[in-house]
Amino acid sequence: MEQAQTIEKTERKWWNPFHLVRRLYDWVLHWADTPYAVPALFILAFAESSFFPIPPDVLLIALAISIPTRAFRYALICSVGSVIGGAFGYLIGWQFYEAIGVPIINFYHGWDVFHKIEIMYREHGLIAVFIAALTPIPYKIFTIASGVFWRNSFMDFISFMGASVIGRSLRFFLVSGIIWYFGPTIKGFIEKYFEWLTVAFTVALILGFVVVKYLF
């Protein structure tokens, strides 16, 4: 009986969304204590721009706290990885939309946003990419959509890359600047209030969809 209850509790814990996010968060964070931390940061930033759900800010914060004097170097690595990853997302939309792009958008339930992006490009151009690069709006959907709409000349690649460089760099250098200024207390705060911060980030992500859906 006790064993069955233990298994049931374990299963409930496994399917708890906080627990799932926490496990993924811990997996990302553990790279900070390995010799491969910097390559992992680059790869994570690359992946998040096209398909991976956890933002590279998690690892960026951990590395910046561990060696504050390198905080801005880590921000640069993160920015470069993210911009290149955005170019990969663009390539997916341009050449591999049906095979790869559609499953990614399905996974994030991003079709409403995807269809709004075409309108945003027509009305706001580079500002749409810049906002997505800087905020919690799912950037991966923007990168894929940019490649798709390139066929209709709504967004050329050079303009897309320029907006990505500015938006992504501002975001990650701002994060590193905050860590450099406030120090290790930020990490303790994140560890202590992780669940609440997860809720806050989720709300911010949802608001990002709302901004795209209703304000543009």
N, C-alpha and C. Protein backbone atom coordinates (compact mmCIF):
# COMPACT_ATOMS: atom_id res chain seq x y z
N MET A 1 0.83 -1.21 0.00
CA MET A 1 0.00 0.00 0.00
C MET A 1 0.86 1.26 0.00
N GLU A 2 1.83 1.29 0.90
CA GLU A 2 2.72 2.45 0.98
C GLU A 2 3.53 2.61 -0.29
N GLN A 3 3.94 1.44 -0.86
CA GLN A 3 4.71 1.48 -2.10
C GLN A 3 3.87 2.06 -3.24
N ALA A 4 2.59 1.65 -3.28
CA ALA A 4 1.69 2.15 -4.32
C ALA A 4 1.49 3.65 -4.18
N GLN A 5 1.35 4.12 -2.92
CA GLN A 5 1.18 5.56 -2.69
C GLN A 5 2.43 6.33 -3.10
N THR A 6 3.60 5.72 -2.81
CA THR A 6 4.86 6.36 -3.20
C THR A 6 4.97 6.49 -4.70
N ILE A 7 4.58 5.42 -5.42
CA ILE A 7 4.63 5.44 -6.89
C ILE A 7 3.67 6.49 -7.43
N GLU A 8 2.46 6.55 -6.81
CA GLU A 8 1.47 7.53 -7.26
C GLU A 8 1.98 8.96 -7.05
N LYS A 9 2.61 9.20 -5.88
CA LYS A 9 3.15 10.54 -5.61
C LYS A 9 4.25 10.89 -6.58
N THR A 10 5.10 9.87 -6.90
CA THR A 10 6.19 10.09 -7.84
C THR A 10 5.65 10.45 -9.22
N GLU A 11 4.58 9.71 -9.63
CA GLU A 11 3.98 9.97 -10.93
C GLU A 11 3.36 11.36 -10.98
N ARG A 12 2.67 11.75 -9.89
CA ARG A 12 2.09 13.08 -9.84
C ARG A 12 3.17 14.15 -9.91
N LYS A 13 4.27 13.89 -9.23
CA LYS A 13 5.38 14.84 -9.24
C LYS A 13 5.97 14.95 -10.63
N TRP A 14 6.09 13.80 -11.31
CA TRP A 14 6.67 13.80 -12.65
C TRP A 14 5.84 14.61 -13.63
N TRP A 15 4.49 14.50 -13.51
CA TRP A 15 3.63 15.21 -14.45
C TRP A 15 3.30 16.62 -14.00
N ASN A 16 3.76 17.00 -12.80
CA ASN A 16 3.58 18.37 -12.35
C ASN A 16 4.38 19.30 -13.26
N PRO A 17 3.73 20.30 -13.88
CA PRO A 17 4.46 21.16 -14.82
C PRO A 17 5.63 21.88 -14.18
N PHE A 18 5.50 22.27 -12.89
CA PHE A 18 6.61 22.91 -12.21
C PHE A 18 7.79 21.96 -12.12
N HIS A 19 7.49 20.69 -11.82
CA HIS A 19 8.56 19.70 -11.68
C HIS A 19 9.26 19.47 -13.01
N LEU A 20 8.47 19.41 -14.08
CA LEU A 20 9.07 19.20 -15.40
C LEU A 20 9.98 20.36 -15.78
N VAL A 21 9.48 21.59 -15.56
CA VAL A 21 10.30 22.76 -15.87
C VAL A 21 11.52 22.80 -14.98
N ARG A 22 11.33 22.43 -13.71
CA ARG A 22 12.44 22.46 -12.77
C ARG A 22 13.53 21.48 -13.18
N ARG A 23 13.15 20.30 -13.62
CA ARG A 23 14.13 19.30 -14.07
C ARG A 23 14.90 19.82 -15.28
N LEU A 24 14.18 20.42 -16.20
CA LEU A 24 14.84 20.97 -17.39
C LEU A 24 15.74 22.13 -17.01
N TYR A 25 15.26 22.96 -16.09
CA TYR A 25 16.05 24.08 -15.58
C TYR A 25 17.34 23.58 -14.94
N ASP A 26 17.23 22.55 -14.09
CA ASP A 26 18.40 22.01 -13.41
C ASP A 26 19.38 21.39 -14.40
N TRP A 27 18.83 20.75 -15.45
CA TRP A 27 19.70 20.16 -16.45
C TRP A 27 20.50 21.24 -17.17
N VAL A 28 19.82 22.33 -17.51
CA VAL A 28 20.51 23.44 -18.16
C VAL A 28 21.56 24.03 -17.21
N LEU A 29 21.15 24.21 -15.95
CA LEU A 29 22.01 24.88 -14.99
C LEU A 29 23.25 24.06 -14.64
N HIS A 30 23.16 22.73 -14.71
CA HIS A 30 24.29 21.91 -14.29
C HIS A 30 25.52 22.12 -15.19
N TRP A 31 25.29 22.63 -16.40
CA TRP A 31 26.42 22.87 -17.30
C TRP A 31 27.36 23.94 -16.77
N ALA A 32 26.84 24.79 -15.88
CA ALA A 32 27.68 25.84 -15.32
C ALA A 32 28.83 25.29 -14.50
N ASP A 33 28.67 24.06 -13.99
CA ASP A 33 29.70 23.44 -13.14
C ASP A 33 30.57 22.45 -13.91
N THR A 34 30.53 22.53 -15.23
CA THR A 34 31.32 21.63 -16.05
C THR A 34 32.33 22.42 -16.89
N PRO A 35 33.34 21.74 -17.43
CA PRO A 35 34.31 22.43 -18.30
C PRO A 35 33.69 22.89 -19.63
N TYR A 36 32.46 22.44 -19.88
CA TYR A 36 31.82 22.73 -21.17
C TYR A 36 30.79 23.85 -21.05
N ALA A 37 30.88 24.65 -20.01
CA ALA A 37 29.87 25.67 -19.73
C ALA A 37 29.73 26.67 -20.88
N VAL A 38 30.84 27.17 -21.39
CA VAL A 38 30.78 28.18 -22.44
C VAL A 38 30.22 27.61 -23.75
N PRO A 39 30.72 26.44 -24.21
CA PRO A 39 30.09 25.85 -25.40
C PRO A 39 28.61 25.54 -25.19
N ALA A 40 28.25 25.10 -23.97
CA ALA A 40 26.85 24.81 -23.67
C ALA A 40 26.00 26.08 -23.77
N LEU A 41 26.55 27.21 -23.31
CA LEU A 41 25.83 28.47 -23.39
C LEU A 41 25.57 28.85 -24.85
N PHE A 42 26.58 28.70 -25.68
CA PHE A 42 26.44 29.01 -27.10
C PHE A 42 25.38 28.11 -27.74
N ILE A 43 25.46 26.80 -27.47
CA ILE A 43 24.53 25.84 -28.07
C ILE A 43 23.10 26.09 -27.58
N LEU A 44 22.96 26.37 -26.28
CA LEU A 44 21.64 26.65 -25.73
C LEU A 44 21.02 27.89 -26.36
N ALA A 45 21.83 28.95 -26.49
CA ALA A 45 21.35 30.18 -27.11
C ALA A 45 20.95 29.93 -28.57
N PHE A 46 21.74 29.12 -29.26
CA PHE A 46 21.45 28.75 -30.64
C PHE A 46 20.11 28.00 -30.72
N ALA A 47 19.96 27.00 -29.86
CA ALA A 47 18.78 26.13 -29.91
C ALA A 47 17.51 26.87 -29.53
N GLU A 48 17.61 27.76 -28.55
CA GLU A 48 16.41 28.46 -28.07
C GLU A 48 15.82 29.37 -29.14
N SER A 49 16.63 29.82 -30.05
CA SER A 49 16.14 30.71 -31.11
C SER A 49 15.37 29.98 -32.19
N SER A 50 15.41 28.64 -32.17
CA SER A 50 14.74 27.90 -33.23
C SER A 50 13.82 26.78 -32.73
N PHE A 51 14.09 26.21 -31.53
CA PHE A 51 13.20 25.12 -31.10
C PHE A 51 13.19 24.85 -29.60
N PHE A 52 14.27 25.13 -28.85
CA PHE A 52 14.37 24.72 -27.45
C PHE A 52 13.58 25.65 -26.54
N PRO A 53 12.85 25.11 -25.51
CA PRO A 53 11.95 25.96 -24.70
C PRO A 53 12.61 26.80 -23.61
N ILE A 54 13.73 26.32 -23.01
CA ILE A 54 14.33 27.05 -21.88
C ILE A 54 15.23 28.17 -22.41
N PRO A 55 15.02 29.40 -21.95
CA PRO A 55 15.84 30.52 -22.44
C PRO A 55 17.27 30.42 -21.94
N PRO A 56 18.25 30.89 -22.72
CA PRO A 56 19.67 30.81 -22.33
C PRO A 56 20.00 31.71 -21.15
N ASP A 57 19.09 32.61 -20.79
CA ASP A 57 19.32 33.50 -19.66
C ASP A 57 19.63 32.72 -18.38
N VAL A 58 19.05 31.51 -18.26
CA VAL A 58 19.26 30.67 -17.07
C VAL A 58 20.74 30.37 -16.88
N LEU A 59 21.38 29.86 -17.93
CA LEU A 59 22.80 29.53 -17.85
C LEU A 59 23.66 30.78 -17.86
N LEU A 60 23.25 31.78 -18.60
CA LEU A 60 23.98 33.05 -18.63
C LEU A 60 24.07 33.64 -17.22
N ILE A 61 22.97 33.62 -16.47
CA ILE A 61 22.97 34.15 -15.11
C ILE A 61 23.92 33.37 -14.22
N ALA A 62 23.88 32.03 -14.32
CA ALA A 62 24.74 31.20 -13.49
C ALA A 62 26.22 31.47 -13.77
N LEU A 63 26.58 31.58 -15.03
CA LEU A 63 27.97 31.83 -15.39
C LEU A 63 28.41 33.23 -14.98
N ALA A 64 27.52 34.21 -15.18
CA ALA A 64 27.86 35.58 -14.82
C ALA A 64 28.06 35.72 -13.31
N ILE A 65 27.28 34.98 -12.53
CA ILE A 65 27.43 35.01 -11.07
C ILE A 65 28.74 34.34 -10.65
N SER A 66 29.08 33.24 -11.33
CA SER A 66 30.29 32.51 -10.95
C SER A 66 31.55 33.32 -11.21
N ILE A 67 31.58 34.06 -12.31
CA ILE A 67 32.75 34.91 -12.64
C ILE A 67 32.22 36.25 -13.14
N PRO A 68 31.89 37.16 -12.23
CA PRO A 68 31.29 38.44 -12.63
C PRO A 68 32.13 39.24 -13.63
N THR A 69 33.45 39.10 -13.55
CA THR A 69 34.30 39.88 -14.45
C THR A 69 34.15 39.43 -15.91
N ARG A 70 33.59 38.25 -16.11
CA ARG A 70 33.36 37.75 -17.47
C ARG A 70 31.89 37.85 -17.89
N ALA A 71 31.10 38.56 -17.12
CA ALA A 71 29.66 38.62 -17.38
C ALA A 71 29.35 39.10 -18.79
N PHE A 72 30.05 40.14 -19.23
CA PHE A 72 29.75 40.69 -20.55
C PHE A 72 30.33 39.83 -21.67
N ARG A 73 31.39 39.10 -21.36
CA ARG A 73 31.90 38.14 -22.34
C ARG A 73 30.88 37.03 -22.57
N TYR A 74 30.26 36.56 -21.49
CA TYR A 74 29.23 35.54 -21.62
C TYR A 74 28.02 36.09 -22.38
N ALA A 75 27.70 37.35 -22.15
CA ALA A 75 26.58 37.97 -22.88
C ALA A 75 26.87 38.00 -24.37
N LEU A 76 28.13 38.27 -24.73
CA LEU A 76 28.51 38.29 -26.15
C LEU A 76 28.36 36.91 -26.77
N ILE A 77 28.85 35.88 -26.05
CA ILE A 77 28.74 34.51 -26.55
C ILE A 77 27.28 34.12 -26.73
N CYS A 78 26.46 34.48 -25.75
CA CYS A 78 25.04 34.18 -25.79
C CYS A 78 24.37 34.91 -26.97
N SER A 79 24.73 36.13 -27.18
CA SER A 79 24.15 36.92 -28.28
C SER A 79 24.51 36.33 -29.63
N VAL A 80 25.79 35.97 -29.80
CA VAL A 80 26.23 35.40 -31.08
C VAL A 80 25.51 34.07 -31.35
N GLY A 81 25.45 33.21 -30.32
CA GLY A 81 24.76 31.93 -30.48
C GLY A 81 23.30 32.12 -30.83
N SER A 82 22.65 33.08 -30.18
CA SER A 82 21.23 33.31 -30.41
C SER A 82 20.97 33.87 -31.81
N VAL A 83 21.81 34.77 -32.26
CA VAL A 83 21.64 35.35 -33.59
C VAL A 83 21.85 34.29 -34.67
N ILE A 84 22.86 33.46 -34.49
CA ILE A 84 23.10 32.38 -35.46
C ILE A 84 21.94 31.39 -35.42
N GLY A 85 21.44 31.10 -34.20
CA GLY A 85 20.28 30.23 -34.07
C GLY A 85 19.06 30.82 -34.75
N GLY A 86 18.92 32.14 -34.66
CA GLY A 86 17.82 32.80 -35.36
C GLY A 86 17.93 32.64 -36.86
N ALA A 87 19.17 32.70 -37.37
CA ALA A 87 19.39 32.47 -38.80
C ALA A 87 19.01 31.05 -39.19
N PHE A 88 19.27 30.10 -38.27
CA PHE A 88 18.88 28.71 -38.52
C PHE A 88 17.36 28.59 -38.54
N GLY A 89 16.69 29.28 -37.61
CA GLY A 89 15.23 29.29 -37.63
C GLY A 89 14.69 29.88 -38.92
N TYR A 90 15.34 30.92 -39.40
CA TYR A 90 14.99 31.54 -40.67
C TYR A 90 15.12 30.52 -41.81
N LEU A 91 16.23 29.75 -41.78
CA LEU A 91 16.45 28.72 -42.79
C LEU A 91 15.36 27.65 -42.75
N ILE A 92 14.93 27.29 -41.52
CA ILE A 92 13.86 26.30 -41.38
C ILE A 92 12.60 26.80 -42.08
N GLY A 93 12.25 28.06 -41.82
CA GLY A 93 11.05 28.61 -42.44
C GLY A 93 11.16 28.75 -43.94
N TRP A 94 12.37 29.01 -44.41
CA TRP A 94 12.59 29.25 -45.83
C TRP A 94 12.61 27.95 -46.64
N GLN A 95 13.32 26.95 -46.11
CA GLN A 95 13.55 25.73 -46.90
C GLN A 95 12.92 24.46 -46.31
N PHE A 96 12.64 24.45 -45.01
CA PHE A 96 12.17 23.21 -44.36
C PHE A 96 10.91 23.44 -43.54
N TYR A 97 10.08 24.32 -44.05
CA TYR A 97 8.89 24.72 -43.28
C TYR A 97 7.97 23.54 -42.99
N GLU A 98 7.61 22.78 -44.00
CA GLU A 98 6.67 21.67 -43.81
C GLU A 98 7.25 20.57 -42.93
N ALA A 99 8.51 20.21 -43.17
CA ALA A 99 9.12 19.09 -42.46
C ALA A 99 9.49 19.41 -41.02
N ILE A 100 9.98 20.63 -40.76
CA ILE A 100 10.49 20.98 -39.43
C ILE A 100 9.71 22.13 -38.80
N GLY A 101 9.43 23.16 -39.59
CA GLY A 101 8.79 24.35 -39.04
C GLY A 101 7.40 24.08 -38.49
N VAL A 102 6.57 23.36 -39.24
CA VAL A 102 5.21 23.09 -38.81
C VAL A 102 5.17 22.31 -37.49
N PRO A 103 5.96 21.23 -37.31
CA PRO A 103 5.95 20.54 -36.01
C PRO A 103 6.38 21.43 -34.84
N ILE A 104 7.33 22.32 -35.07
CA ILE A 104 7.77 23.22 -34.00
C ILE A 104 6.64 24.16 -33.61
N ILE A 105 5.97 24.74 -34.58
CA ILE A 105 4.87 25.66 -34.30
C ILE A 105 3.72 24.92 -33.63
N ASN A 106 3.45 23.68 -34.06
CA ASN A 106 2.43 22.86 -33.41
C ASN A 106 2.76 22.63 -31.94
N PHE A 107 4.02 22.35 -31.65
CA PHE A 107 4.46 22.06 -30.28
C PHE A 107 4.19 23.24 -29.36
N TYR A 108 4.41 24.45 -29.86
CA TYR A 108 4.22 25.65 -29.03
C TYR A 108 2.83 26.26 -29.20
N HIS A 109 1.94 25.58 -29.92
CA HIS A 109 0.59 26.09 -30.15
C HIS A 109 0.65 27.54 -30.63
N GLY A 110 1.51 27.76 -31.60
CA GLY A 110 1.82 29.13 -32.00
C GLY A 110 1.18 29.61 -33.28
N TRP A 111 0.11 28.96 -33.74
CA TRP A 111 -0.45 29.33 -35.04
C TRP A 111 -1.10 30.70 -35.04
N ASP A 112 -1.77 31.05 -33.95
CA ASP A 112 -2.37 32.38 -33.89
C ASP A 112 -1.30 33.46 -34.03
N VAL A 113 -0.20 33.24 -33.29
CA VAL A 113 0.91 34.19 -33.36
C VAL A 113 1.52 34.19 -34.76
N PHE A 114 1.70 33.00 -35.31
CA PHE A 114 2.32 32.87 -36.62
C PHE A 114 1.55 33.68 -37.67
N HIS A 115 0.23 33.56 -37.66
CA HIS A 115 -0.56 34.27 -38.66
C HIS A 115 -0.58 35.78 -38.41
N LYS A 116 -0.45 36.16 -37.14
CA LYS A 116 -0.38 37.58 -36.83
C LYS A 116 0.94 38.20 -37.29
N ILE A 117 1.99 37.38 -37.33
CA ILE A 117 3.31 37.89 -37.67
C ILE A 117 3.32 38.46 -39.09
N GLU A 118 2.60 37.82 -40.00
CA GLU A 118 2.54 38.33 -41.38
C GLU A 118 1.99 39.75 -41.39
N ILE A 119 0.94 39.97 -40.60
CA ILE A 119 0.36 41.31 -40.52
C ILE A 119 1.34 42.28 -39.88
N MET A 120 2.03 41.81 -38.83
CA MET A 120 3.01 42.65 -38.15
C MET A 120 4.12 43.09 -39.10
N TYR A 121 4.58 42.16 -39.93
CA TYR A 121 5.64 42.49 -40.88
C TYR A 121 5.19 43.55 -41.87
N ARG A 122 3.94 43.42 -42.32
CA ARG A 122 3.43 44.38 -43.29
C ARG A 122 3.31 45.78 -42.68
N GLU A 123 2.87 45.81 -41.41
CA GLU A 123 2.58 47.10 -40.78
C GLU A 123 3.76 47.69 -40.01
N HIS A 124 4.64 46.81 -39.47
CA HIS A 124 5.69 47.31 -38.59
C HIS A 124 7.10 46.91 -39.01
N GLY A 125 7.25 45.98 -39.95
CA GLY A 125 8.57 45.62 -40.46
C GLY A 125 9.53 45.14 -39.38
N LEU A 126 10.71 45.78 -39.31
CA LEU A 126 11.77 45.36 -38.41
C LEU A 126 11.40 45.46 -36.94
N ILE A 127 10.47 46.34 -36.62
CA ILE A 127 10.08 46.51 -35.22
C ILE A 127 9.52 45.21 -34.67
N ALA A 128 8.82 44.44 -35.50
CA ALA A 128 8.25 43.16 -35.06
C ALA A 128 9.35 42.21 -34.60
N VAL A 129 10.40 42.06 -35.40
CA VAL A 129 11.52 41.17 -35.04
C VAL A 129 12.25 41.71 -33.82
N PHE A 130 12.45 43.01 -33.76
CA PHE A 130 13.15 43.61 -32.63
C PHE A 130 12.42 43.35 -31.32
N ILE A 131 11.10 43.52 -31.31
CA ILE A 131 10.31 43.28 -30.11
C ILE A 131 10.42 41.82 -29.68
N ALA A 132 10.32 40.91 -30.65
CA ALA A 132 10.42 39.48 -30.33
C ALA A 132 11.81 39.12 -29.80
N ALA A 133 12.85 39.74 -30.33
CA ALA A 133 14.22 39.44 -29.91
C ALA A 133 14.50 39.92 -28.50
N LEU A 134 13.78 40.96 -28.07
CA LEU A 134 14.08 41.59 -26.79
C LEU A 134 13.19 41.10 -25.67
N THR A 135 12.01 40.59 -25.97
CA THR A 135 11.00 40.29 -24.97
C THR A 135 10.73 38.78 -24.87
N PRO A 136 9.82 38.36 -23.95
CA PRO A 136 9.48 36.93 -23.81
C PRO A 136 8.63 36.38 -24.95
N ILE A 137 8.22 37.22 -25.91
CA ILE A 137 7.50 36.69 -27.06
C ILE A 137 8.34 35.58 -27.69
N PRO A 138 7.74 34.42 -28.03
CA PRO A 138 8.53 33.27 -28.52
C PRO A 138 9.28 33.58 -29.80
N TYR A 139 10.56 33.81 -29.65
CA TYR A 139 11.40 34.26 -30.77
C TYR A 139 11.49 33.21 -31.87
N LYS A 140 11.47 31.93 -31.47
CA LYS A 140 11.61 30.85 -32.44
C LYS A 140 10.50 30.90 -33.50
N ILE A 141 9.29 31.29 -33.09
CA ILE A 141 8.20 31.38 -34.06
C ILE A 141 8.44 32.54 -35.02
N PHE A 142 9.01 33.62 -34.52
CA PHE A 142 9.34 34.76 -35.38
C PHE A 142 10.43 34.39 -36.38
N THR A 143 11.44 33.64 -35.94
CA THR A 143 12.53 33.32 -36.85
C THR A 143 12.05 32.41 -37.98
N ILE A 144 11.21 31.43 -37.62
CA ILE A 144 10.67 30.53 -38.64
C ILE A 144 9.74 31.29 -39.57
N ALA A 145 8.88 32.12 -39.01
CA ALA A 145 7.94 32.90 -39.83
C ALA A 145 8.67 33.85 -40.76
N SER A 146 9.78 34.40 -40.30
CA SER A 146 10.55 35.32 -41.15
C SER A 146 11.03 34.61 -42.40
N GLY A 147 11.49 33.36 -42.25
CA GLY A 147 11.93 32.59 -43.40
C GLY A 147 10.79 32.26 -44.35
N VAL A 148 9.61 32.01 -43.79
CA VAL A 148 8.44 31.70 -44.62
C VAL A 148 8.02 32.92 -45.42
N PHE A 149 7.92 34.06 -44.75
CA PHE A 149 7.40 35.25 -45.40
C PHE A 149 8.44 35.92 -46.32
N TRP A 150 9.69 35.47 -46.22
CA TRP A 150 10.72 35.97 -47.14
C TRP A 150 10.33 35.70 -48.58
N ARG A 151 9.64 34.59 -48.79
CA ARG A 151 9.23 34.23 -50.15
C ARG A 151 8.34 35.32 -50.76
N ASN A 152 7.61 36.00 -49.88
CA ASN A 152 6.73 37.06 -50.36
C ASN A 152 7.33 38.45 -50.20
N SER A 153 8.62 38.50 -49.93
CA SER A 153 9.39 39.74 -49.80
C SER A 153 8.92 40.63 -48.65
N PHE A 154 8.32 40.02 -47.61
CA PHE A 154 7.91 40.81 -46.46
C PHE A 154 9.09 41.06 -45.52
N MET A 155 10.08 40.19 -45.56
CA MET A 155 11.22 40.35 -44.65
C MET A 155 12.47 39.79 -45.31
N ASP A 156 13.41 40.63 -45.67
CA ASP A 156 14.64 40.13 -46.26
C ASP A 156 15.62 39.74 -45.17
N PHE A 157 16.54 38.87 -45.51
CA PHE A 157 17.42 38.25 -44.51
C PHE A 157 18.32 39.27 -43.82
N ILE A 158 18.89 40.20 -44.54
CA ILE A 158 19.80 41.18 -43.95
C ILE A 158 19.08 42.02 -42.89
N SER A 159 17.89 42.47 -43.22
CA SER A 159 17.12 43.26 -42.26
C SER A 159 16.78 42.44 -41.03
N PHE A 160 16.41 41.18 -41.25
CA PHE A 160 16.10 40.27 -40.14
C PHE A 160 17.30 40.11 -39.22
N MET A 161 18.47 39.90 -39.79
CA MET A 161 19.68 39.71 -38.98
C MET A 161 20.03 40.98 -38.21
N GLY A 162 19.85 42.13 -38.83
CA GLY A 162 20.13 43.39 -38.14
C GLY A 162 19.26 43.57 -36.92
N ALA A 163 17.96 43.30 -37.06
CA ALA A 163 17.04 43.43 -35.94
C ALA A 163 17.37 42.40 -34.85
N SER A 164 17.77 41.20 -35.27
CA SER A 164 18.13 40.15 -34.32
C SER A 164 19.35 40.54 -33.51
N VAL A 165 20.37 41.05 -34.18
CA VAL A 165 21.61 41.44 -33.49
C VAL A 165 21.33 42.50 -32.43
N ILE A 166 20.55 43.51 -32.78
CA ILE A 166 20.27 44.59 -31.84
C ILE A 166 19.41 44.09 -30.68
N GLY A 167 18.31 43.39 -31.00
CA GLY A 167 17.39 42.94 -29.96
C GLY A 167 17.98 41.92 -29.02
N ARG A 168 18.63 40.90 -29.56
CA ARG A 168 19.22 39.85 -28.73
C ARG A 168 20.37 40.39 -27.88
N SER A 169 21.20 41.24 -28.45
CA SER A 169 22.33 41.80 -27.70
C SER A 169 21.84 42.67 -26.54
N LEU A 170 20.85 43.51 -26.79
CA LEU A 170 20.30 44.33 -25.72
C LEU A 170 19.79 43.47 -24.57
N ARG A 171 19.09 42.42 -24.91
CA ARG A 171 18.51 41.55 -23.88
C ARG A 171 19.59 40.90 -23.03
N PHE A 172 20.57 40.25 -23.66
CA PHE A 172 21.55 39.47 -22.90
C PHE A 172 22.57 40.36 -22.19
N PHE A 173 22.92 41.47 -22.78
CA PHE A 173 23.83 42.39 -22.10
C PHE A 173 23.14 43.06 -20.91
N LEU A 174 21.83 43.26 -21.02
CA LEU A 174 21.08 43.79 -19.89
C LEU A 174 21.07 42.80 -18.74
N VAL A 175 20.84 41.52 -19.05
CA VAL A 175 20.86 40.48 -18.02
C VAL A 175 22.23 40.43 -17.35
N SER A 176 23.30 40.41 -18.13
CA SER A 176 24.65 40.35 -17.57
C SER A 176 24.96 41.61 -16.76
N GLY A 177 24.47 42.74 -17.22
CA GLY A 177 24.70 43.99 -16.49
C GLY A 177 24.04 43.97 -15.13
N ILE A 178 22.84 43.40 -15.06
CA ILE A 178 22.14 43.28 -13.77
C ILE A 178 22.90 42.36 -12.83
N ILE A 179 23.37 41.23 -13.36
CA ILE A 179 24.13 40.28 -12.53
C ILE A 179 25.44 40.92 -12.08
N TRP A 180 26.11 41.59 -12.97
CA TRP A 180 27.37 42.25 -12.62
C TRP A 180 27.16 43.28 -11.51
N TYR A 181 26.02 43.94 -11.53
CA TYR A 181 25.76 45.00 -10.54
C TYR A 181 25.29 44.43 -9.20
N PHE A 182 24.38 43.44 -9.24
CA PHE A 182 23.79 42.94 -7.99
C PHE A 182 24.49 41.73 -7.40
N GLY A 183 25.18 40.94 -8.23
CA GLY A 183 25.97 39.84 -7.70
C GLY A 183 25.18 38.59 -7.35
N PRO A 184 25.75 37.72 -6.49
CA PRO A 184 25.19 36.40 -6.19
C PRO A 184 23.81 36.41 -5.55
N THR A 185 23.37 37.52 -5.00
CA THR A 185 22.05 37.54 -4.37
C THR A 185 20.94 37.21 -5.36
N ILE A 186 21.19 37.52 -6.63
CA ILE A 186 20.19 37.21 -7.65
C ILE A 186 19.99 35.71 -7.78
N LYS A 187 21.08 34.95 -7.75
CA LYS A 187 20.97 33.49 -7.88
C LYS A 187 20.20 32.91 -6.70
N GLY A 188 20.51 33.37 -5.50
CA GLY A 188 19.79 32.89 -4.33
C GLY A 188 18.31 33.19 -4.42
N PHE A 189 17.98 34.34 -4.93
CA PHE A 189 16.58 34.73 -5.10
C PHE A 189 15.89 33.80 -6.09
N ILE A 190 16.58 33.49 -7.21
CA ILE A 190 16.01 32.60 -8.22
C ILE A 190 15.77 31.20 -7.64
N GLU A 191 16.76 30.67 -6.90
CA GLU A 191 16.62 29.35 -6.32
C GLU A 191 15.47 29.30 -5.31
N LYS A 192 15.34 30.34 -4.53
CA LYS A 192 14.33 30.37 -3.46
C LYS A 192 12.92 30.50 -4.01
N TYR A 193 12.77 31.29 -5.06
CA TYR A 193 11.44 31.59 -5.58
C TYR A 193 11.24 31.07 -7.00
N PHE A 194 11.87 29.93 -7.30
CA PHE A 194 11.84 29.42 -8.67
C PHE A 194 10.42 29.21 -9.17
N GLU A 195 9.58 28.56 -8.36
CA GLU A 195 8.22 28.26 -8.81
C GLU A 195 7.45 29.54 -9.15
N TRP A 196 7.57 30.54 -8.28
CA TRP A 196 6.87 31.79 -8.53
C TRP A 196 7.44 32.50 -9.76
N LEU A 197 8.75 32.41 -9.93
CA LEU A 197 9.36 33.02 -11.10
C LEU A 197 8.94 32.30 -12.38
N THR A 198 8.73 30.98 -12.26
CA THR A 198 8.24 30.22 -13.41
C THR A 198 6.85 30.70 -13.80
N VAL A 199 6.00 30.91 -12.79
CA VAL A 199 4.67 31.44 -13.05
C VAL A 199 4.78 32.81 -13.73
N ALA A 200 5.66 33.65 -13.18
CA ALA A 200 5.82 35.01 -13.73
C ALA A 200 6.29 34.96 -15.18
N PHE A 201 7.27 34.07 -15.46
CA PHE A 201 7.77 33.96 -16.83
C PHE A 201 6.69 33.44 -17.76
N THR A 202 5.89 32.45 -17.27
CA THR A 202 4.81 31.91 -18.09
C THR A 202 3.78 32.99 -18.39
N VAL A 203 3.44 33.78 -17.38
CA VAL A 203 2.50 34.89 -17.58
C VAL A 203 3.07 35.88 -18.60
N ALA A 204 4.37 36.17 -18.48
CA ALA A 204 5.00 37.09 -19.43
C ALA A 204 4.95 36.52 -20.84
N LEU A 205 5.15 35.21 -20.95
CA LEU A 205 5.11 34.56 -22.27
C LEU A 205 3.71 34.65 -22.86
N ILE A 206 2.70 34.39 -22.01
CA ILE A 206 1.32 34.48 -22.46
C ILE A 206 0.99 35.91 -22.88
N LEU A 207 1.45 36.87 -22.08
CA LEU A 207 1.23 38.27 -22.42
C LEU A 207 1.90 38.62 -23.74
N GLY A 208 3.05 37.97 -23.99
CA GLY A 208 3.72 38.18 -25.28
C GLY A 208 2.83 37.76 -26.43
N PHE A 209 2.16 36.58 -26.28
CA PHE A 209 1.22 36.15 -27.30
C PHE A 209 0.06 37.13 -27.43
N VAL A 210 -0.42 37.62 -26.28
CA VAL A 210 -1.54 38.56 -26.29
C VAL A 210 -1.17 39.85 -27.01
N VAL A 211 0.06 40.33 -26.75
CA VAL A 211 0.53 41.54 -27.42
C VAL A 211 0.50 41.36 -28.92
N VAL A 212 1.02 40.20 -29.36
CA VAL A 212 1.03 39.93 -30.80
C VAL A 212 -0.38 39.82 -31.36
N LYS A 213 -1.25 39.17 -30.58
CA LYS A 213 -2.59 38.84 -31.10
C LYS A 213 -3.52 40.04 -31.14
N TYR A 214 -3.41 40.94 -30.17
CA TYR A 214 -4.41 42.00 -30.02
C TYR A 214 -3.91 43.42 -30.24
N LEU A 215 -2.62 43.64 -30.04
CA LEU A 215 -2.14 45.02 -30.10
C LEU A 215 -1.50 45.38 -31.43
N PHE A 216 -1.12 44.38 -32.21
CA PHE A 216 -0.47 44.69 -33.49
C PHE A 216 -1.43 44.45 -34.65
